[in-house]
Amino acid sequence: MKKIILCIMLIGLFIACGEKRKGNEVTKIKSNKAKVIELLNSIETGDQNPVGYINTDKYIQHNLGITDGLARFGAKPKEGFKVKVIRAFEDGDYVFTQSDFGPKVGFDVFRFEDGLIVEHWDNLGEKKGPNPSGHTQLDGATEVTDLDRTKENKTLVKNFIKDVLMGENPAKVTDYISTKKYIQHNTNVADGLDGLAAARKSMAEAGMTTVFTENHKILGEGNFVLAISEGEFAGTHVAFYDLFRVEEGKIVEHWDIIEKIPSKDKWANDNGKF
């Protein structure tokens, strides 16, 4: 009887600690977010183990410069290539990250099925210097808070995209962006609504218009929300990835990457950007 009670106690301890027994080996149960961070780091290190987090029978690639399959991961890393995940978030079956890739910065989105990665999207851009307010493309807040407001914050950003960026009701901008604090990480735009308005005016005068035509995804965890959209920038077909931080019902911080979508004859796969 004592042995039975001891076994039950040990099983309960393993469950409470988030561990599981596999044969004679005790391994921690990893979150999907942790798996993605390991996988991205493997691009730099060449570590083969995180490739096991990908479903080898089904891996759909939306980076149009890469074929389907696992060629990007587990290969010998390029000399001097670095990966630093700055922010990582989880929303249901999706994990999305913002990373420093040395000469480039960008966002990655992974979709999971049954604990394995089955689909990937990204948006990459050249690393540039600080913006007029001194902020870089990657600095700023990183702490995830307000998990109970995830749905509310996603709805806020979705409506902001529709009303302001897609032009249905641009006068409502102050319903979405804080008039007291708006930290900007776009390399060409200063902080505040005044900085945003000045940048839009300057770009319009230079013929560099920004047009949002469709929003494809809204992903969020707590106070961070990522919007993935399609449109045109300066007459070029592009993908917009916009990361927003929300505080007390208003957008207070913004990061983004705009990437050109190549013509279909230059795609390495047929899955499309979105």
C-alpha atoms as a PDB file:
ATOM      1  CA  MET A   1       0.000   0.000   0.000  1.00  0.00           C
ATOM      2  CA  LYS A   2       2.853   2.409   0.850  1.00  0.00           C
ATOM      3  CA  LYS A   3       4.420   1.727  -2.556  1.00  0.00           C
ATOM      4  CA  ILE A   4       1.125   2.516  -4.329  1.00  0.00           C
ATOM      5  CA  ILE A   5       0.736   5.789  -2.430  1.00  0.00           C
ATOM      6  CA  LEU A   6       4.342   6.723  -3.235  1.00  0.00           C
ATOM      7  CA  CYS A   7       3.808   6.045  -6.960  1.00  0.00           C
ATOM      8  CA  ILE A   8       0.662   8.185  -6.985  1.00  0.00           C
ATOM      9  CA  MET A   9       2.544  11.011  -5.281  1.00  0.00           C
ATOM     10  CA  LEU A  10       5.376  10.809  -7.820  1.00  0.00           C
ATOM     11  CA  ILE A  11       2.952  10.874 -10.765  1.00  0.00           C
ATOM     12  CA  GLY A  12       1.241  13.926  -9.285  1.00  0.00           C
ATOM     13  CA  LEU A  13       4.615  15.615  -8.819  1.00  0.00           C
ATOM     14  CA  PHE A  14       5.561  15.055 -12.479  1.00  0.00           C
ATOM     15  CA  ILE A  15       2.226  16.492 -13.631  1.00  0.00           C
ATOM     16  CA  ALA A  16       2.519  19.509 -11.324  1.00  0.00           C
ATOM     17  CA  CYS A  17       6.020  20.262 -12.565  1.00  0.00           C
ATOM     18  CA  GLY A  18       4.936  20.064 -16.201  1.00  0.00           C
ATOM     19  CA  GLU A  19       7.008  16.960 -16.938  1.00  0.00           C
ATOM     20  CA  LYS A  20       6.355  13.616 -18.565  1.00  0.00           C
ATOM     21  CA  ARG A  21       8.151  10.295 -18.491  1.00  0.00           C
ATOM     22  CA  LYS A  22       9.294   8.861 -21.810  1.00  0.00           C
ATOM     23  CA  GLY A  23      10.802   5.416 -21.273  1.00  0.00           C
ATOM     24  CA  ASN A  24      13.418   5.925 -18.534  1.00  0.00           C
ATOM     25  CA  GLU A  25      13.900   9.581 -19.454  1.00  0.00           C
ATOM     26  CA  VAL A  26      12.048  12.480 -17.846  1.00  0.00           C
ATOM     27  CA  THR A  27      11.609  15.390 -20.259  1.00  0.00           C
ATOM     28  CA  LYS A  28       9.938  18.767 -19.781  1.00  0.00           C
ATOM     29  CA  ILE A  29       6.842  19.526 -21.816  1.00  0.00           C
ATOM     30  CA  LYS A  30       7.851  22.425 -24.064  1.00  0.00           C
ATOM     31  CA  SER A  31       5.447  25.158 -25.095  1.00  0.00           C
ATOM     32  CA  ASN A  32       5.045  25.863 -28.797  1.00  0.00           C
ATOM     33  CA  LYS A  33       6.666  29.238 -28.166  1.00  0.00           C
ATOM     34  CA  ALA A  34       9.766  27.564 -26.700  1.00  0.00           C
ATOM     35  CA  LYS A  35       9.938  25.201 -29.692  1.00  0.00           C
ATOM     36  CA  VAL A  36       9.903  28.106 -32.148  1.00  0.00           C
ATOM     37  CA  ILE A  37      12.661  29.958 -30.288  1.00  0.00           C
ATOM     38  CA  GLU A  38      14.841  26.829 -30.366  1.00  0.00           C
ATOM     39  CA  LEU A  39      14.107  26.327 -34.053  1.00  0.00           C
ATOM     40  CA  LEU A  40      15.010  29.898 -34.994  1.00  0.00           C
ATOM     41  CA  ASN A  41      18.204  29.716 -32.946  1.00  0.00           C
ATOM     42  CA  SER A  42      19.136  26.551 -34.852  1.00  0.00           C
ATOM     43  CA  ILE A  43      19.492  28.623 -38.042  1.00  0.00           C
ATOM     44  CA  GLU A  44      22.551  30.178 -36.396  1.00  0.00           C
ATOM     45  CA  THR A  45      23.872  27.139 -34.539  1.00  0.00           C
ATOM     46  CA  GLY A  46      23.088  24.376 -37.034  1.00  0.00           C
ATOM     47  CA  ASP A  47      21.555  22.299 -34.225  1.00  0.00           C
ATOM     48  CA  GLN A  48      19.616  19.394 -35.779  1.00  0.00           C
ATOM     49  CA  ASN A  49      17.353  18.635 -32.810  1.00  0.00           C
ATOM     50  CA  PRO A  50      14.776  21.458 -33.167  1.00  0.00           C
ATOM     51  CA  VAL A  51      14.028  20.274 -36.719  1.00  0.00           C
ATOM     52  CA  GLY A  52      12.069  17.539 -34.933  1.00  0.00           C
ATOM     53  CA  TYR A  53       9.442  20.156 -34.064  1.00  0.00           C
ATOM     54  CA  ILE A  54       8.454  20.341 -37.754  1.00  0.00           C
ATOM     55  CA  ASN A  55       5.998  17.912 -39.347  1.00  0.00           C
ATOM     56  CA  THR A  56       8.159  16.423 -42.098  1.00  0.00           C
ATOM     57  CA  ASP A  57       5.077  15.184 -43.975  1.00  0.00           C
ATOM     58  CA  LYS A  58       3.425  18.607 -44.048  1.00  0.00           C
ATOM     59  CA  TYR A  59       5.388  21.850 -43.916  1.00  0.00           C
ATOM     60  CA  ILE A  60       3.837  24.658 -45.960  1.00  0.00           C
ATOM     61  CA  GLN A  61       6.205  27.523 -46.693  1.00  0.00           C
ATOM     62  CA  HIS A  62       5.011  31.078 -47.444  1.00  0.00           C
ATOM     63  CA  ASN A  63       8.434  32.685 -47.758  1.00  0.00           C
ATOM     64  CA  LEU A  64       8.342  32.981 -51.538  1.00  0.00           C
ATOM     65  CA  GLY A  65      12.106  32.685 -51.839  1.00  0.00           C
ATOM     66  CA  ILE A  66      12.207  29.227 -50.200  1.00  0.00           C
ATOM     67  CA  THR A  67      10.842  25.900 -51.418  1.00  0.00           C
ATOM     68  CA  ASP A  68       8.635  23.710 -49.238  1.00  0.00           C
ATOM     69  CA  GLY A  69      10.528  21.412 -46.906  1.00  0.00           C
ATOM     70  CA  LEU A  70      13.174  21.740 -44.228  1.00  0.00           C
ATOM     71  CA  ALA A  71      16.155  23.098 -46.172  1.00  0.00           C
ATOM     72  CA  ARG A  72      16.287  26.261 -44.083  1.00  0.00           C
ATOM     73  CA  PHE A  73      16.724  24.368 -40.819  1.00  0.00           C
ATOM     74  CA  GLY A  74      19.447  22.024 -39.623  1.00  0.00           C
ATOM     75  CA  ALA A  75      21.816  23.084 -42.398  1.00  0.00           C
ATOM     76  CA  LYS A  76      25.348  24.351 -41.842  1.00  0.00           C
ATOM     77  CA  PRO A  77      24.949  27.971 -40.715  1.00  0.00           C
ATOM     78  CA  LYS A  78      26.316  30.788 -42.841  1.00  0.00           C
ATOM     79  CA  GLU A  79      29.493  32.305 -41.465  1.00  0.00           C
ATOM     80  CA  GLY A  80      28.716  35.298 -39.293  1.00  0.00           C
ATOM     81  CA  PHE A  81      24.945  34.730 -39.440  1.00  0.00           C
ATOM     82  CA  LYS A  82      23.226  35.589 -36.160  1.00  0.00           C
ATOM     83  CA  VAL A  83      19.743  35.073 -34.734  1.00  0.00           C
ATOM     84  CA  LYS A  84      18.341  36.842 -31.688  1.00  0.00           C
ATOM     85  CA  VAL A  85      14.662  36.460 -30.896  1.00  0.00           C
ATOM     86  CA  ILE A  86      13.548  39.748 -29.336  1.00  0.00           C
ATOM     87  CA  ARG A  87       9.859  39.035 -28.819  1.00  0.00           C
ATOM     88  CA  ALA A  88       7.827  35.827 -28.925  1.00  0.00           C
ATOM     89  CA  PHE A  89       4.078  35.373 -28.567  1.00  0.00           C
ATOM     90  CA  GLU A  90       1.550  32.542 -28.703  1.00  0.00           C
ATOM     91  CA  ASP A  91      -2.046  32.701 -29.941  1.00  0.00           C
ATOM     92  CA  GLY A  92      -3.814  29.349 -30.088  1.00  0.00           C
ATOM     93  CA  ASP A  93      -2.085  27.218 -32.715  1.00  0.00           C
ATOM     94  CA  TYR A  94       0.091  30.160 -33.821  1.00  0.00           C
ATOM     95  CA  VAL A  95       3.434  31.446 -32.555  1.00  0.00           C
ATOM     96  CA  PHE A  96       4.760  34.743 -33.855  1.00  0.00           C
ATOM     97  CA  THR A  97       8.159  36.282 -33.224  1.00  0.00           C
ATOM     98  CA  GLN A  98      10.191  39.398 -33.936  1.00  0.00           C
ATOM     99  CA  SER A  99      13.917  38.783 -34.403  1.00  0.00           C
ATOM    100  CA  ASP A 100      17.281  40.316 -35.179  1.00  0.00           C
ATOM    101  CA  PHE A 101      18.929  38.414 -38.047  1.00  0.00           C
ATOM    102  CA  GLY A 102      22.103  40.495 -38.236  1.00  0.00           C
ATOM    103  CA  PRO A 103      21.792  42.497 -41.462  1.00  0.00           C
ATOM    104  CA  LYS A 104      18.021  41.998 -41.425  1.00  0.00           C
ATOM    105  CA  VAL A 105      15.138  42.181 -38.974  1.00  0.00           C
ATOM    106  CA  GLY A 106      11.792  40.514 -39.305  1.00  0.00           C
ATOM    107  CA  PHE A 107       8.726  38.667 -38.146  1.00  0.00           C
ATOM    108  CA  ASP A 108       8.052  34.923 -38.311  1.00  0.00           C
ATOM    109  CA  VAL A 109       4.704  33.186 -37.868  1.00  0.00           C
ATOM    110  CA  PHE A 110       4.404  29.425 -37.332  1.00  0.00           C
ATOM    111  CA  ARG A 111       1.228  27.321 -37.207  1.00  0.00           C
ATOM    112  CA  PHE A 112       1.103  24.099 -35.190  1.00  0.00           C
ATOM    113  CA  GLU A 113      -0.961  20.942 -35.477  1.00  0.00           C
ATOM    114  CA  ASP A 114      -0.711  18.309 -32.755  1.00  0.00           C
ATOM    115  CA  GLY A 115       2.428  19.913 -31.335  1.00  0.00           C
ATOM    116  CA  LEU A 116       4.290  20.082 -34.660  1.00  0.00           C
ATOM    117  CA  ILE A 117       4.900  23.018 -37.004  1.00  0.00           C
ATOM    118  CA  VAL A 118       3.017  22.651 -40.287  1.00  0.00           C
ATOM    119  CA  GLU A 119       3.099  26.159 -41.776  1.00  0.00           C
ATOM    120  CA  HIS A 120       5.324  29.250 -41.826  1.00  0.00           C
ATOM    121  CA  TRP A 121       5.026  32.894 -42.887  1.00  0.00           C
ATOM    122  CA  ASP A 122       7.516  35.754 -42.520  1.00  0.00           C
ATOM    123  CA  ASN A 123       8.312  39.340 -43.427  1.00  0.00           C
ATOM    124  CA  LEU A 124      11.912  40.539 -43.541  1.00  0.00           C
ATOM    125  CA  GLY A 125      13.555  43.907 -44.040  1.00  0.00           C
ATOM    126  CA  GLU A 126      16.981  45.513 -44.008  1.00  0.00           C
ATOM    127  CA  LYS A 127      18.241  46.691 -40.638  1.00  0.00           C
ATOM    128  CA  LYS A 128      18.410  50.488 -40.548  1.00  0.00           C
ATOM    129  CA  GLY A 129      19.467  53.184 -38.113  1.00  0.00           C
ATOM    130  CA  PRO A 130      17.338  54.908 -35.456  1.00  0.00           C
ATOM    131  CA  ASN A 131      14.256  56.909 -36.429  1.00  0.00           C
ATOM    132  CA  PRO A 132      13.837  60.674 -35.797  1.00  0.00           C
ATOM    133  CA  SER A 133      12.900  59.946 -32.165  1.00  0.00           C
ATOM    134  CA  GLY A 134      15.959  57.741 -31.606  1.00  0.00           C
ATOM    135  CA  HIS A 135      14.136  54.399 -31.527  1.00  0.00           C
ATOM    136  CA  THR A 136      15.436  51.364 -33.404  1.00  0.00           C
ATOM    137  CA  GLN A 137      13.428  48.749 -35.267  1.00  0.00           C
ATOM    138  CA  LEU A 138      13.691  46.331 -32.343  1.00  0.00           C
ATOM    139  CA  ASP A 139      13.998  48.183 -29.032  1.00  0.00           C
ATOM    140  CA  GLY A 140      11.088  48.970 -26.724  1.00  0.00           C
ATOM    141  CA  ALA A 141       8.794  47.015 -24.437  1.00  0.00           C
ATOM    142  CA  THR A 142       8.888  43.217 -24.422  1.00  0.00           C
ATOM    143  CA  GLU A 143       6.833  42.150 -21.398  1.00  0.00           C
ATOM    144  CA  VAL A 144       3.529  40.420 -22.132  1.00  0.00           C
ATOM    145  CA  THR A 145       0.725  41.636 -19.851  1.00  0.00           C
ATOM    146  CA  ASP A 146      -3.088  41.840 -19.838  1.00  0.00           C
ATOM    147  CA  LEU A 147      -3.644  38.268 -20.997  1.00  0.00           C
ATOM    148  CA  ASP A 148      -7.309  38.636 -20.102  1.00  0.00           C
ATOM    149  CA  ARG A 149      -7.632  41.433 -22.682  1.00  0.00           C
ATOM    150  CA  THR A 150      -6.189  39.564 -25.683  1.00  0.00           C
ATOM    151  CA  LYS A 151      -9.501  39.309 -27.542  1.00  0.00           C
ATOM    152  CA  GLU A 152     -10.368  42.940 -26.816  1.00  0.00           C
ATOM    153  CA  ASN A 153      -6.952  44.164 -28.009  1.00  0.00           C
ATOM    154  CA  LYS A 154      -7.146  42.096 -31.204  1.00  0.00           C
ATOM    155  CA  THR A 155     -10.534  43.625 -31.972  1.00  0.00           C
ATOM    156  CA  LEU A 156      -9.125  47.112 -31.387  1.00  0.00           C
ATOM    157  CA  VAL A 157      -6.296  46.549 -33.883  1.00  0.00           C
ATOM    158  CA  LYS A 158      -8.591  44.898 -36.422  1.00  0.00           C
ATOM    159  CA  ASN A 159     -10.896  47.912 -36.349  1.00  0.00           C
ATOM    160  CA  PHE A 160      -7.931  50.313 -36.521  1.00  0.00           C
ATOM    161  CA  ILE A 161      -6.723  48.589 -39.686  1.00  0.00           C
ATOM    162  CA  LYS A 162     -10.209  48.784 -41.203  1.00  0.00           C
ATOM    163  CA  ASP A 163     -11.110  52.339 -40.179  1.00  0.00           C
ATOM    164  CA  VAL A 164      -7.776  54.159 -40.362  1.00  0.00           C
ATOM    165  CA  LEU A 165      -5.308  52.241 -42.527  1.00  0.00           C
ATOM    166  CA  MET A 166      -7.880  51.003 -45.043  1.00  0.00           C
ATOM    167  CA  GLY A 167      -9.579  54.404 -44.993  1.00  0.00           C
ATOM    168  CA  GLU A 168     -13.145  53.550 -43.984  1.00  0.00           C
ATOM    169  CA  ASN A 169     -13.162  56.168 -41.219  1.00  0.00           C
ATOM    170  CA  PRO A 170      -9.707  57.773 -40.789  1.00  0.00           C
ATOM    171  CA  ALA A 171     -11.066  60.541 -38.539  1.00  0.00           C
ATOM    172  CA  LYS A 172     -11.400  57.906 -35.789  1.00  0.00           C
ATOM    173  CA  VAL A 173      -7.620  57.635 -35.399  1.00  0.00           C
ATOM    174  CA  THR A 174      -7.700  58.996 -31.824  1.00  0.00           C
ATOM    175  CA  ASP A 175     -10.204  56.272 -30.917  1.00  0.00           C
ATOM    176  CA  TYR A 176      -7.387  53.800 -31.469  1.00  0.00           C
ATOM    177  CA  ILE A 177      -4.019  55.537 -30.940  1.00  0.00           C
ATOM    178  CA  SER A 178      -3.188  57.211 -27.644  1.00  0.00           C
ATOM    179  CA  THR A 179      -2.868  60.993 -27.833  1.00  0.00           C
ATOM    180  CA  LYS A 180      -0.638  60.933 -24.737  1.00  0.00           C
ATOM    181  CA  LYS A 181       1.947  58.323 -25.738  1.00  0.00           C
ATOM    182  CA  TYR A 182       2.666  56.753 -29.116  1.00  0.00           C
ATOM    183  CA  ILE A 183       6.163  55.258 -29.466  1.00  0.00           C
ATOM    184  CA  GLN A 184       7.171  54.671 -33.066  1.00  0.00           C
ATOM    185  CA  HIS A 185       9.803  52.195 -34.343  1.00  0.00           C
ATOM    186  CA  ASN A 186       9.342  52.758 -38.074  1.00  0.00           C
ATOM    187  CA  THR A 187      12.697  54.148 -39.186  1.00  0.00           C
ATOM    188  CA  ASN A 188      11.114  57.111 -41.016  1.00  0.00           C
ATOM    189  CA  VAL A 189       8.520  58.192 -38.473  1.00  0.00           C
ATOM    190  CA  ALA A 190       8.817  60.187 -35.236  1.00  0.00           C
ATOM    191  CA  ASP A 191       6.852  59.532 -32.041  1.00  0.00           C
ATOM    192  CA  GLY A 192       3.312  60.756 -31.517  1.00  0.00           C
ATOM    193  CA  LEU A 193       0.357  61.376 -33.769  1.00  0.00           C
ATOM    194  CA  ASP A 194       2.071  64.544 -35.022  1.00  0.00           C
ATOM    195  CA  GLY A 195       5.051  62.467 -36.151  1.00  0.00           C
ATOM    196  CA  LEU A 196       2.761  60.029 -37.940  1.00  0.00           C
ATOM    197  CA  ALA A 197       0.864  62.811 -39.700  1.00  0.00           C
ATOM    198  CA  ALA A 198       4.100  64.558 -40.743  1.00  0.00           C
ATOM    199  CA  ALA A 199       5.546  61.333 -42.166  1.00  0.00           C
ATOM    200  CA  ARG A 200       2.365  60.578 -44.128  1.00  0.00           C
ATOM    201  CA  LYS A 201       2.321  64.089 -45.571  1.00  0.00           C
ATOM    202  CA  SER A 202       6.001  63.949 -46.525  1.00  0.00           C
ATOM    203  CA  MET A 203       5.644  60.546 -48.208  1.00  0.00           C
ATOM    204  CA  ALA A 204       2.505  61.612 -50.077  1.00  0.00           C
ATOM    205  CA  GLU A 205       4.295  64.685 -51.394  1.00  0.00           C
ATOM    206  CA  ALA A 206       7.100  62.425 -52.608  1.00  0.00           C
ATOM    207  CA  GLY A 207       4.626  60.120 -54.339  1.00  0.00           C
ATOM    208  CA  MET A 208       5.218  57.317 -51.797  1.00  0.00           C
ATOM    209  CA  THR A 209       1.598  56.519 -50.995  1.00  0.00           C
ATOM    210  CA  THR A 210       0.610  53.674 -48.679  1.00  0.00           C
ATOM    211  CA  VAL A 211      -2.517  51.676 -49.528  1.00  0.00           C
ATOM    212  CA  PHE A 212      -3.893  48.829 -47.393  1.00  0.00           C
ATOM    213  CA  THR A 213      -6.198  46.623 -49.453  1.00  0.00           C
ATOM    214  CA  GLU A 214      -6.756  43.549 -47.265  1.00  0.00           C
ATOM    215  CA  ASN A 215      -6.042  42.354 -43.750  1.00  0.00           C
ATOM    216  CA  HIS A 216      -5.188  38.640 -43.696  1.00  0.00           C
ATOM    217  CA  LYS A 217      -4.445  37.861 -40.038  1.00  0.00           C
ATOM    218  CA  ILE A 218      -4.749  39.360 -36.574  1.00  0.00           C
ATOM    219  CA  LEU A 219      -2.732  37.492 -33.946  1.00  0.00           C
ATOM    220  CA  GLY A 220      -2.254  38.520 -30.351  1.00  0.00           C
ATOM    221  CA  GLU A 221      -1.145  37.674 -26.843  1.00  0.00           C
ATOM    222  CA  GLY A 222      -2.148  40.072 -24.108  1.00  0.00           C
ATOM    223  CA  ASN A 223      -0.975  43.608 -24.854  1.00  0.00           C
ATOM    224  CA  PHE A 224       0.764  42.713 -28.156  1.00  0.00           C
ATOM    225  CA  VAL A 225      -1.100  42.305 -31.458  1.00  0.00           C
ATOM    226  CA  LEU A 226       0.322  41.515 -34.905  1.00  0.00           C
ATOM    227  CA  ALA A 227      -1.598  42.530 -38.038  1.00  0.00           C
ATOM    228  CA  ILE A 228      -0.653  40.929 -41.374  1.00  0.00           C
ATOM    229  CA  SER A 229      -1.978  42.888 -44.338  1.00  0.00           C
ATOM    230  CA  GLU A 230      -1.601  43.328 -48.076  1.00  0.00           C
ATOM    231  CA  GLY A 231      -1.430  46.455 -50.187  1.00  0.00           C
ATOM    232  CA  GLU A 232       0.849  48.847 -52.030  1.00  0.00           C
ATOM    233  CA  PHE A 233       3.706  51.073 -50.958  1.00  0.00           C
ATOM    234  CA  ALA A 234       5.043  53.598 -53.471  1.00  0.00           C
ATOM    235  CA  GLY A 235       3.228  51.682 -56.223  1.00  0.00           C
ATOM    236  CA  THR A 236       4.774  48.321 -55.284  1.00  0.00           C
ATOM    237  CA  HIS A 237       2.805  45.238 -54.188  1.00  0.00           C
ATOM    238  CA  VAL A 238       3.801  44.582 -50.566  1.00  0.00           C
ATOM    239  CA  ALA A 239       3.057  42.709 -47.359  1.00  0.00           C
ATOM    240  CA  PHE A 240       2.607  44.832 -44.224  1.00  0.00           C
ATOM    241  CA  TYR A 241       3.468  43.298 -40.863  1.00  0.00           C
ATOM    242  CA  ASP A 242       2.512  45.691 -38.039  1.00  0.00           C
ATOM    243  CA  LEU A 243       3.090  44.881 -34.365  1.00  0.00           C
ATOM    244  CA  PHE A 244       1.199  47.012 -31.864  1.00  0.00           C
ATOM    245  CA  ARG A 245       1.401  47.304 -28.084  1.00  0.00           C
ATOM    246  CA  VAL A 246      -1.884  48.227 -26.431  1.00  0.00           C
ATOM    247  CA  GLU A 247      -2.270  49.916 -23.079  1.00  0.00           C
ATOM    248  CA  GLU A 248      -5.635  50.615 -21.431  1.00  0.00           C
ATOM    249  CA  GLY A 249      -7.528  50.287 -24.682  1.00  0.00           C
ATOM    250  CA  LYS A 250      -5.261  52.430 -26.861  1.00  0.00           C
ATOM    251  CA  ILE A 251      -2.279  51.694 -29.142  1.00  0.00           C
ATOM    252  CA  VAL A 252       0.876  53.109 -27.513  1.00  0.00           C
ATOM    253  CA  GLU A 253       3.730  51.496 -29.485  1.00  0.00           C
ATOM    254  CA  HIS A 254       4.305  50.276 -33.048  1.00  0.00           C
ATOM    255  CA  TRP A 255       6.878  48.228 -34.972  1.00  0.00           C
ATOM    256  CA  ASP A 256       6.613  47.231 -38.633  1.00  0.00           C
ATOM    257  CA  ILE A 257       8.227  45.613 -41.650  1.00  0.00           C
ATOM    258  CA  ILE A 258       7.143  46.218 -45.236  1.00  0.00           C
ATOM    259  CA  GLU A 259       8.329  43.595 -47.740  1.00  0.00           C
ATOM    260  CA  LYS A 260       7.931  43.617 -51.504  1.00  0.00           C
ATOM    261  CA  ILE A 261       5.999  40.667 -52.944  1.00  0.00           C
ATOM    262  CA  PRO A 262       7.800  39.399 -56.062  1.00  0.00           C
ATOM    263  CA  SER A 263       5.987  38.612 -59.291  1.00  0.00           C
ATOM    264  CA  LYS A 264       4.651  35.046 -59.407  1.00  0.00           C
ATOM    265  CA  ASP A 265       7.245  33.893 -61.953  1.00  0.00           C
ATOM    266  CA  LYS A 266       9.912  34.437 -59.278  1.00  0.00           C
ATOM    267  CA  TRP A 267       8.219  32.415 -56.519  1.00  0.00           C
ATOM    268  CA  ALA A 268      10.065  29.353 -55.215  1.00  0.00           C
ATOM    269  CA  ASN A 269       6.752  27.804 -54.085  1.00  0.00           C
ATOM    270  CA  ASP A 270       3.082  28.138 -55.043  1.00  0.00           C
ATOM    271  CA  ASN A 271       1.690  28.770 -51.569  1.00  0.00           C
ATOM    272  CA  GLY A 272       1.367  32.548 -51.792  1.00  0.00           C
ATOM    273  CA  LYS A 273       2.594  35.166 -49.349  1.00  0.00           C
ATOM    274  CA  PHE A 274      -0.461  34.994 -47.097  1.00  0.00           C
END
